[in-house]
Amino acid sequence: MRIKKALLIINIFFLISLIYSCEKKTRMVDIKLLILTPDNFFNFPVVLNGKINDIGPGGLWFILEDKTGYIQVTTENIPSHISCVQKGKNVSILGKLSIYENHKYFTFSSLLRCSN
């Protein structure tokens, strides 16, 4: 019994140290966390998962929504032939948080997953 508790404590400590390590790594984050703590994420690649809720004119941007919130994603640097950028699709994307005149948005760099 004591061994199980010790292993559990070691595992919890290991997970906490991974989550709060000093080195900035690519990691998956909730949109709410990205919006509320932007200083932790500016200029560092992160992965967002969510559903494409709306698409802007010409497909230059879309709104990505997860269970915690939503964010505008710019697509100006990706090829227009990516067929996955459609309303209702669930995607995992890699990119960076950006800001322009107090407006936070996500700059898309790579599509990692796409499903209906």
Foldseek 3Di string as FASTA:
>chain_A
DVVVVVVVVVVVVVVVCVVPPPDQAAEEDEPVCCVVCVVSFAPGKYKYKAFFAAADPPRQWTWGDDPRGIFIEGDVPDDPPPPQNDHGKIWIFIFGWDDDPNHIHTYTDDTDDIDD
